[in-house]
Amino acid sequence: FVMADVPGFPDINPILFIDSQDRLWLMWYTVIANQWETSLPKYRISTNYMMPDGPPEWAWQFSEPLVGPGNIQASIAKKTDGTLVAYMRDNGPPPQRLHMSTSTDKGLTWSPVRDSELPNPGSGADVVTMRNGHWALAYNDTEDGRHSLAISISTDEGKSWKYTRHLELDTRGRNITTSSAYPSIIQGRDDMLHVVYSYHHNDRKSAPNKTIKYARFNEAWGKQGDDSKSK
């Protein structure tokens, strides 16, 4: 069944999640003119989504542009005061950083997009707000390439990212280095963190050379320091 459709335009990169009020959110963006920078973020909210058949009953639908260049793909963390912080990839000019924007009205309006301190080559990133209020971010932590995939943890709601540990780190040459990207991170009921991401063997000329990897760990593991080795 169809969750969303803007006739005549691509609707891409959807995400689904249930918030603390037990509401279902669908977020995606519509590409207006076949260019990433013309993408229009959209979201829908449903309080009646346990249907036996067919799509949820959507109660709200919004379309609010986030002002910023490049390819918009947002992941959102929440502060204790209710402020939402969106982290986005940026395929625009240097510096190569994750972009960020904030909302103090539950996502109705957003601040102008600005660079964060987090390096990123214009690839996907995902953040989760843990039950203890700490944030865990999965992302490529370089300005060039996807050979490095890290988990960074913030204990002060994104003011700083004191802890970083790598899930993947390949320091070989560009032509043979593995590529890890598009991570998705959640916290389970047992407080464990779960990450899935794409993993490409660029040193293998024949198939199979692409797969999906899964990692499971707790916050303490992410705080132990980085002992990753080249693959």
C-alpha atoms as a PDB file:
ATOM      1  CA  PHE A   1       0.000   0.000   0.000  1.00  0.00           C
ATOM      2  CA  VAL A   2       1.066   3.609  -0.584  1.00  0.00           C
ATOM      3  CA  MET A   3       2.341   5.553   2.435  1.00  0.00           C
ATOM      4  CA  ALA A   4       2.911   8.838   0.578  1.00  0.00           C
ATOM      5  CA  ASP A   5       2.936  10.043  -2.999  1.00  0.00           C
ATOM      6  CA  VAL A   6       3.440  13.413  -4.656  1.00  0.00           C
ATOM      7  CA  PRO A   7       2.316  12.728  -8.238  1.00  0.00           C
ATOM      8  CA  GLY A   8       4.980  13.407 -10.833  1.00  0.00           C
ATOM      9  CA  PHE A   9       7.866  13.808  -8.367  1.00  0.00           C
ATOM     10  CA  PRO A  10      10.278  11.354  -6.676  1.00  0.00           C
ATOM     11  CA  ASP A  11       9.477  10.634  -3.014  1.00  0.00           C
ATOM     12  CA  ILE A  12      12.641   9.186  -1.451  1.00  0.00           C
ATOM     13  CA  ASN A  13      14.657   8.256   1.672  1.00  0.00           C
ATOM     14  CA  PRO A  14      11.715   7.501   4.026  1.00  0.00           C
ATOM     15  CA  ILE A  15      12.080   6.776   7.744  1.00  0.00           C
ATOM     16  CA  LEU A  16       9.482   5.576  10.273  1.00  0.00           C
ATOM     17  CA  PHE A  17       9.580   5.873  14.059  1.00  0.00           C
ATOM     18  CA  ILE A  18       7.241   5.926  17.066  1.00  0.00           C
ATOM     19  CA  ASP A  19       7.698   8.823  19.515  1.00  0.00           C
ATOM     20  CA  SER A  20       7.245   8.960  23.305  1.00  0.00           C
ATOM     21  CA  GLN A  21       3.541   9.766  22.825  1.00  0.00           C
ATOM     22  CA  ASP A  22       3.053   6.506  20.860  1.00  0.00           C
ATOM     23  CA  ARG A  23       2.559   8.396  17.587  1.00  0.00           C
ATOM     24  CA  LEU A  24       3.858   7.052  14.279  1.00  0.00           C
ATOM     25  CA  TRP A  25       5.957   9.461  12.198  1.00  0.00           C
ATOM     26  CA  LEU A  26       6.752   9.096   8.516  1.00  0.00           C
ATOM     27  CA  MET A  27       9.501  11.409   7.242  1.00  0.00           C
ATOM     28  CA  TRP A  28      10.731  11.654   3.653  1.00  0.00           C
ATOM     29  CA  TYR A  29      11.526  14.237   1.050  1.00  0.00           C
ATOM     30  CA  THR A  30      10.227  15.090  -2.380  1.00  0.00           C
ATOM     31  CA  VAL A  31      12.722  16.111  -5.076  1.00  0.00           C
ATOM     32  CA  ILE A  32      11.130  19.046  -6.882  1.00  0.00           C
ATOM     33  CA  ALA A  33      13.452  19.612  -9.872  1.00  0.00           C
ATOM     34  CA  ASN A  34      15.589  16.463 -10.073  1.00  0.00           C
ATOM     35  CA  GLN A  35      18.305  18.179  -8.023  1.00  0.00           C
ATOM     36  CA  TRP A  36      19.174  17.330  -4.407  1.00  0.00           C
ATOM     37  CA  GLU A  37      19.157  21.004  -3.394  1.00  0.00           C
ATOM     38  CA  THR A  38      15.489  21.292  -4.429  1.00  0.00           C
ATOM     39  CA  SER A  39      14.404  18.544  -2.023  1.00  0.00           C
ATOM     40  CA  LEU A  40      11.438  19.409   0.189  1.00  0.00           C
ATOM     41  CA  PRO A  41      11.322  17.574   3.554  1.00  0.00           C
ATOM     42  CA  LYS A  42       7.889  16.262   4.500  1.00  0.00           C
ATOM     43  CA  TYR A  43       6.421  14.341   7.407  1.00  0.00           C
ATOM     44  CA  ARG A  44       3.170  12.766   8.485  1.00  0.00           C
ATOM     45  CA  ILE A  45       1.934  11.811  11.957  1.00  0.00           C
ATOM     46  CA  SER A  46      -0.545   9.075  12.829  1.00  0.00           C
ATOM     47  CA  THR A  47      -2.221   8.102  16.104  1.00  0.00           C
ATOM     48  CA  ASN A  48      -4.181   5.301  14.435  1.00  0.00           C
ATOM     49  CA  TYR A  49      -1.691   3.079  12.622  1.00  0.00           C
ATOM     50  CA  MET A  50      -2.452  -0.484  13.765  1.00  0.00           C
ATOM     51  CA  MET A  51      -4.579  -1.184  10.716  1.00  0.00           C
ATOM     52  CA  PRO A  52      -5.361  -4.798   9.717  1.00  0.00           C
ATOM     53  CA  ASP A  53      -4.864  -3.743   6.106  1.00  0.00           C
ATOM     54  CA  GLY A  54      -3.862  -0.559   4.330  1.00  0.00           C
ATOM     55  CA  PRO A  55      -1.861   2.518   5.344  1.00  0.00           C
ATOM     56  CA  PRO A  56      -2.099   4.374   8.681  1.00  0.00           C
ATOM     57  CA  GLU A  57      -4.707   7.052   9.209  1.00  0.00           C
ATOM     58  CA  TRP A  58      -2.668  10.242   8.983  1.00  0.00           C
ATOM     59  CA  ALA A  59      -3.708  13.032  11.364  1.00  0.00           C
ATOM     60  CA  TRP A  60      -1.081  15.609  10.365  1.00  0.00           C
ATOM     61  CA  GLN A  61       0.961  16.359   7.264  1.00  0.00           C
ATOM     62  CA  PHE A  62       3.627  19.061   7.053  1.00  0.00           C
ATOM     63  CA  SER A  63       6.023  20.377   4.477  1.00  0.00           C
ATOM     64  CA  GLU A  64       8.681  22.695   5.886  1.00  0.00           C
ATOM     65  CA  PRO A  65      11.912  23.505   3.997  1.00  0.00           C
ATOM     66  CA  LEU A  66      15.201  23.340   5.862  1.00  0.00           C
ATOM     67  CA  VAL A  67      17.331  26.158   4.485  1.00  0.00           C
ATOM     68  CA  GLY A  68      20.705  24.772   3.390  1.00  0.00           C
ATOM     69  CA  PRO A  69      22.625  23.510   0.371  1.00  0.00           C
ATOM     70  CA  GLY A  70      23.264  19.931  -0.642  1.00  0.00           C
ATOM     71  CA  ASN A  71      21.530  16.620  -0.199  1.00  0.00           C
ATOM     72  CA  ILE A  72      19.103  16.716   2.733  1.00  0.00           C
ATOM     73  CA  GLN A  73      18.858  13.554   4.779  1.00  0.00           C
ATOM     74  CA  ALA A  74      18.005  14.371   8.371  1.00  0.00           C
ATOM     75  CA  SER A  75      18.204  12.414  11.602  1.00  0.00           C
ATOM     76  CA  ILE A  76      16.787  13.945  14.776  1.00  0.00           C
ATOM     77  CA  ALA A  77      17.757  13.932  18.459  1.00  0.00           C
ATOM     78  CA  LYS A  78      15.705  15.434  21.286  1.00  0.00           C
ATOM     79  CA  LYS A  79      16.887  17.530  24.234  1.00  0.00           C
ATOM     80  CA  THR A  80      15.326  17.318  27.689  1.00  0.00           C
ATOM     81  CA  ASP A  81      13.678  20.733  27.149  1.00  0.00           C
ATOM     82  CA  GLY A  82      11.938  19.405  24.028  1.00  0.00           C
ATOM     83  CA  THR A  83      14.228  21.038  21.455  1.00  0.00           C
ATOM     84  CA  LEU A  84      14.730  18.930  18.342  1.00  0.00           C
ATOM     85  CA  VAL A  85      18.166  18.840  16.723  1.00  0.00           C
ATOM     86  CA  ALA A  86      18.401  17.601  13.120  1.00  0.00           C
ATOM     87  CA  TYR A  87      21.707  16.413  11.656  1.00  0.00           C
ATOM     88  CA  MET A  88      21.976  16.402   7.845  1.00  0.00           C
ATOM     89  CA  ARG A  89      24.462  15.393   5.188  1.00  0.00           C
ATOM     90  CA  ASP A  90      25.978  18.166   3.066  1.00  0.00           C
ATOM     91  CA  ASN A  91      27.233  17.745  -0.491  1.00  0.00           C
ATOM     92  CA  GLY A  92      28.021  21.420  -0.831  1.00  0.00           C
ATOM     93  CA  PRO A  93      31.308  23.361  -0.581  1.00  0.00           C
ATOM     94  CA  PRO A  94      33.882  22.982   2.246  1.00  0.00           C
ATOM     95  CA  PRO A  95      34.123  22.596   5.122  1.00  0.00           C
ATOM     96  CA  GLN A  96      32.798  19.053   4.932  1.00  0.00           C
ATOM     97  CA  ARG A  97      30.687  18.812   8.067  1.00  0.00           C
ATOM     98  CA  LEU A  98      27.351  17.433   9.154  1.00  0.00           C
ATOM     99  CA  HIS A  99      24.798  20.220   8.955  1.00  0.00           C
ATOM    100  CA  MET A 100      22.428  20.891  11.842  1.00  0.00           C
ATOM    101  CA  SER A 101      19.182  22.737  12.484  1.00  0.00           C
ATOM    102  CA  THR A 102      17.000  23.088  15.596  1.00  0.00           C
ATOM    103  CA  SER A 103      13.286  23.349  16.295  1.00  0.00           C
ATOM    104  CA  THR A 104      11.645  24.537  19.510  1.00  0.00           C
ATOM    105  CA  ASP A 105       8.046  24.011  18.340  1.00  0.00           C
ATOM    106  CA  LYS A 106       7.966  20.242  17.793  1.00  0.00           C
ATOM    107  CA  GLY A 107       9.189  20.458  14.218  1.00  0.00           C
ATOM    108  CA  LEU A 108       6.771  23.062  12.848  1.00  0.00           C
ATOM    109  CA  THR A 109       9.602  25.513  12.110  1.00  0.00           C
ATOM    110  CA  TRP A 110      13.383  25.110  11.953  1.00  0.00           C
ATOM    111  CA  SER A 111      16.383  27.364  12.410  1.00  0.00           C
ATOM    112  CA  PRO A 112      18.741  28.183   9.507  1.00  0.00           C
ATOM    113  CA  VAL A 113      21.061  25.268   8.782  1.00  0.00           C
ATOM    114  CA  ARG A 114      24.680  25.614   9.948  1.00  0.00           C
ATOM    115  CA  ASP A 115      27.818  23.507  10.089  1.00  0.00           C
ATOM    116  CA  SER A 116      28.359  21.322  13.133  1.00  0.00           C
ATOM    117  CA  GLU A 117      31.813  20.365  14.435  1.00  0.00           C
ATOM    118  CA  LEU A 118      31.394  16.819  13.072  1.00  0.00           C
ATOM    119  CA  PRO A 119      33.364  15.967   9.898  1.00  0.00           C
ATOM    120  CA  ASN A 120      31.431  14.147   7.180  1.00  0.00           C
ATOM    121  CA  PRO A 121      32.031  13.601   3.444  1.00  0.00           C
ATOM    122  CA  GLY A 122      28.411  14.213   2.450  1.00  0.00           C
ATOM    123  CA  SER A 123      27.129  10.765   3.424  1.00  0.00           C
ATOM    124  CA  GLY A 124      24.251   9.508   5.546  1.00  0.00           C
ATOM    125  CA  ALA A 125      24.265   9.724   9.346  1.00  0.00           C
ATOM    126  CA  ASP A 126      21.846   8.627  12.064  1.00  0.00           C
ATOM    127  CA  VAL A 127      21.477   9.692  15.703  1.00  0.00           C
ATOM    128  CA  VAL A 128      19.496   8.160  18.562  1.00  0.00           C
ATOM    129  CA  THR A 129      18.526   9.696  21.908  1.00  0.00           C
ATOM    130  CA  MET A 130      19.188   7.039  24.531  1.00  0.00           C
ATOM    131  CA  ARG A 131      16.986   6.509  27.574  1.00  0.00           C
ATOM    132  CA  ASN A 132      19.575   8.123  29.857  1.00  0.00           C
ATOM    133  CA  GLY A 133      19.527  11.295  27.731  1.00  0.00           C
ATOM    134  CA  HIS A 134      22.860  10.647  26.011  1.00  0.00           C
ATOM    135  CA  TRP A 135      23.075  10.758  22.220  1.00  0.00           C
ATOM    136  CA  ALA A 136      24.733   8.158  19.976  1.00  0.00           C
ATOM    137  CA  LEU A 137      25.622   9.131  16.403  1.00  0.00           C
ATOM    138  CA  ALA A 138      26.590   6.732  13.605  1.00  0.00           C
ATOM    139  CA  TYR A 139      28.363   8.439  10.682  1.00  0.00           C
ATOM    140  CA  ASN A 140      31.365   8.611   8.375  1.00  0.00           C
ATOM    141  CA  ASP A 141      33.749  10.772  10.408  1.00  0.00           C
ATOM    142  CA  THR A 142      36.007  11.946   7.575  1.00  0.00           C
ATOM    143  CA  GLU A 143      35.984  14.832   5.115  1.00  0.00           C
ATOM    144  CA  ASP A 144      36.843  12.562   2.211  1.00  0.00           C
ATOM    145  CA  GLY A 145      35.589   9.035   1.613  1.00  0.00           C
ATOM    146  CA  ARG A 146      33.559   6.384   3.373  1.00  0.00           C
ATOM    147  CA  HIS A 147      36.406   4.153   4.551  1.00  0.00           C
ATOM    148  CA  SER A 148      35.725   5.125   8.177  1.00  0.00           C
ATOM    149  CA  LEU A 149      32.447   4.527  10.041  1.00  0.00           C
ATOM    150  CA  ALA A 150      32.283   5.747  13.626  1.00  0.00           C
ATOM    151  CA  ILE A 151      30.040   5.857  16.665  1.00  0.00           C
ATOM    152  CA  SER A 152      30.299   9.083  18.664  1.00  0.00           C
ATOM    153  CA  ILE A 153      28.593   9.615  22.014  1.00  0.00           C
ATOM    154  CA  SER A 154      27.526  12.932  23.529  1.00  0.00           C
ATOM    155  CA  THR A 155      26.656  13.179  27.210  1.00  0.00           C
ATOM    156  CA  ASP A 156      25.671  16.865  27.005  1.00  0.00           C
ATOM    157  CA  GLU A 157      22.996  16.883  24.286  1.00  0.00           C
ATOM    158  CA  GLY A 158      25.318  17.518  21.359  1.00  0.00           C
ATOM    159  CA  LYS A 159      27.417  20.311  22.854  1.00  0.00           C
ATOM    160  CA  SER A 160      30.436  18.009  22.598  1.00  0.00           C
ATOM    161  CA  TRP A 161      31.190  14.497  21.371  1.00  0.00           C
ATOM    162  CA  LYS A 162      33.754  13.248  23.852  1.00  0.00           C
ATOM    163  CA  TYR A 163      33.753   9.578  22.862  1.00  0.00           C
ATOM    164  CA  THR A 164      34.347   8.088  19.410  1.00  0.00           C
ATOM    165  CA  ARG A 165      34.899   4.492  18.412  1.00  0.00           C
ATOM    166  CA  HIS A 166      34.995   2.964  14.956  1.00  0.00           C
ATOM    167  CA  LEU A 167      32.896   0.147  13.588  1.00  0.00           C
ATOM    168  CA  GLU A 168      34.965   0.224  10.396  1.00  0.00           C
ATOM    169  CA  LEU A 169      38.321   1.836   9.598  1.00  0.00           C
ATOM    170  CA  ASP A 170      40.239   0.979   6.425  1.00  0.00           C
ATOM    171  CA  THR A 171      43.378   3.034   5.803  1.00  0.00           C
ATOM    172  CA  ARG A 172      44.471   1.343   2.582  1.00  0.00           C
ATOM    173  CA  GLY A 173      44.521   3.150  -0.761  1.00  0.00           C
ATOM    174  CA  ARG A 174      41.390   4.608  -2.286  1.00  0.00           C
ATOM    175  CA  ASN A 175      41.127   1.970  -5.032  1.00  0.00           C
ATOM    176  CA  ILE A 176      40.937  -0.965  -2.619  1.00  0.00           C
ATOM    177  CA  THR A 177      39.552   0.468   0.607  1.00  0.00           C
ATOM    178  CA  THR A 178      36.228  -0.882   1.839  1.00  0.00           C
ATOM    179  CA  SER A 179      33.245   1.464   1.908  1.00  0.00           C
ATOM    180  CA  SER A 180      30.822   1.614   4.845  1.00  0.00           C
ATOM    181  CA  ALA A 181      27.854   3.981   4.724  1.00  0.00           C
ATOM    182  CA  TYR A 182      24.169   4.726   5.348  1.00  0.00           C
ATOM    183  CA  PRO A 183      24.073   3.594   8.994  1.00  0.00           C
ATOM    184  CA  SER A 184      20.842   3.252  10.948  1.00  0.00           C
ATOM    185  CA  ILE A 185      21.021   3.141  14.759  1.00  0.00           C
ATOM    186  CA  ILE A 186      18.402   2.301  17.405  1.00  0.00           C
ATOM    187  CA  GLN A 187      18.383   1.399  21.107  1.00  0.00           C
ATOM    188  CA  GLY A 188      16.677  -1.831  22.112  1.00  0.00           C
ATOM    189  CA  ARG A 189      14.568  -2.490  25.185  1.00  0.00           C
ATOM    190  CA  ASP A 190      17.637  -3.941  26.899  1.00  0.00           C
ATOM    191  CA  ASP A 191      19.493  -0.616  26.287  1.00  0.00           C
ATOM    192  CA  MET A 192      21.792  -2.222  23.732  1.00  0.00           C
ATOM    193  CA  LEU A 193      22.557  -0.187  20.611  1.00  0.00           C
ATOM    194  CA  HIS A 194      21.962  -1.769  17.208  1.00  0.00           C
ATOM    195  CA  VAL A 195      23.463  -0.500  13.939  1.00  0.00           C
ATOM    196  CA  VAL A 196      23.010  -1.709  10.363  1.00  0.00           C
ATOM    197  CA  TYR A 197      24.971  -0.260   7.440  1.00  0.00           C
ATOM    198  CA  SER A 198      26.040  -0.987   3.884  1.00  0.00           C
ATOM    199  CA  TYR A 199      29.482  -2.552   3.394  1.00  0.00           C
ATOM    200  CA  HIS A 200      31.223  -2.687   0.014  1.00  0.00           C
ATOM    201  CA  HIS A 201      34.427  -4.597  -0.800  1.00  0.00           C
ATOM    202  CA  ASN A 202      36.080  -2.348  -3.383  1.00  0.00           C
ATOM    203  CA  ASP A 203      39.065  -4.739  -3.475  1.00  0.00           C
ATOM    204  CA  ARG A 204      36.874  -7.486  -4.950  1.00  0.00           C
ATOM    205  CA  LYS A 205      36.363  -7.107  -8.668  1.00  0.00           C
ATOM    206  CA  SER A 206      33.738  -9.829  -8.916  1.00  0.00           C
ATOM    207  CA  ALA A 207      30.529 -10.431  -7.003  1.00  0.00           C
ATOM    208  CA  PRO A 208      29.630 -10.823  -4.259  1.00  0.00           C
ATOM    209  CA  ASN A 209      31.248  -7.616  -3.038  1.00  0.00           C
ATOM    210  CA  LYS A 210      28.369  -5.793  -1.380  1.00  0.00           C
ATOM    211  CA  THR A 211      26.490  -6.649   1.788  1.00  0.00           C
ATOM    212  CA  ILE A 212      24.702  -5.270   4.849  1.00  0.00           C
ATOM    213  CA  LYS A 213      26.492  -5.443   8.205  1.00  0.00           C
ATOM    214  CA  TYR A 214      24.956  -5.495  11.678  1.00  0.00           C
ATOM    215  CA  ALA A 215      26.624  -4.473  14.962  1.00  0.00           C
ATOM    216  CA  ARG A 216      25.329  -4.751  18.535  1.00  0.00           C
ATOM    217  CA  PHE A 217      26.989  -3.086  21.532  1.00  0.00           C
ATOM    218  CA  ASN A 218      26.282  -1.040  24.651  1.00  0.00           C
ATOM    219  CA  GLU A 219      27.175   2.552  25.475  1.00  0.00           C
ATOM    220  CA  ALA A 220      30.114   1.449  27.626  1.00  0.00           C
ATOM    221  CA  TRP A 221      31.731  -0.179  24.576  1.00  0.00           C
ATOM    222  CA  GLY A 222      31.532   3.106  22.710  1.00  0.00           C
ATOM    223  CA  LYS A 223      33.248   4.884  25.592  1.00  0.00           C
ATOM    224  CA  GLN A 224      36.187   2.476  25.817  1.00  0.00           C
ATOM    225  CA  GLY A 225      38.240   4.145  23.111  1.00  0.00           C
ATOM    226  CA  ASP A 226      39.076   3.144  19.574  1.00  0.00           C
ATOM    227  CA  ASP A 227      40.883  -0.136  18.932  1.00  0.00           C
ATOM    228  CA  SER A 228      39.828  -0.550  15.280  1.00  0.00           C
ATOM    229  CA  LYS A 229      42.315  -1.950  12.796  1.00  0.00           C
ATOM    230  CA  SER A 230      42.571  -1.701   9.020  1.00  0.00           C
ATOM    231  CA  LYS A 231      40.448  -4.272   7.214  1.00  0.00           C
END
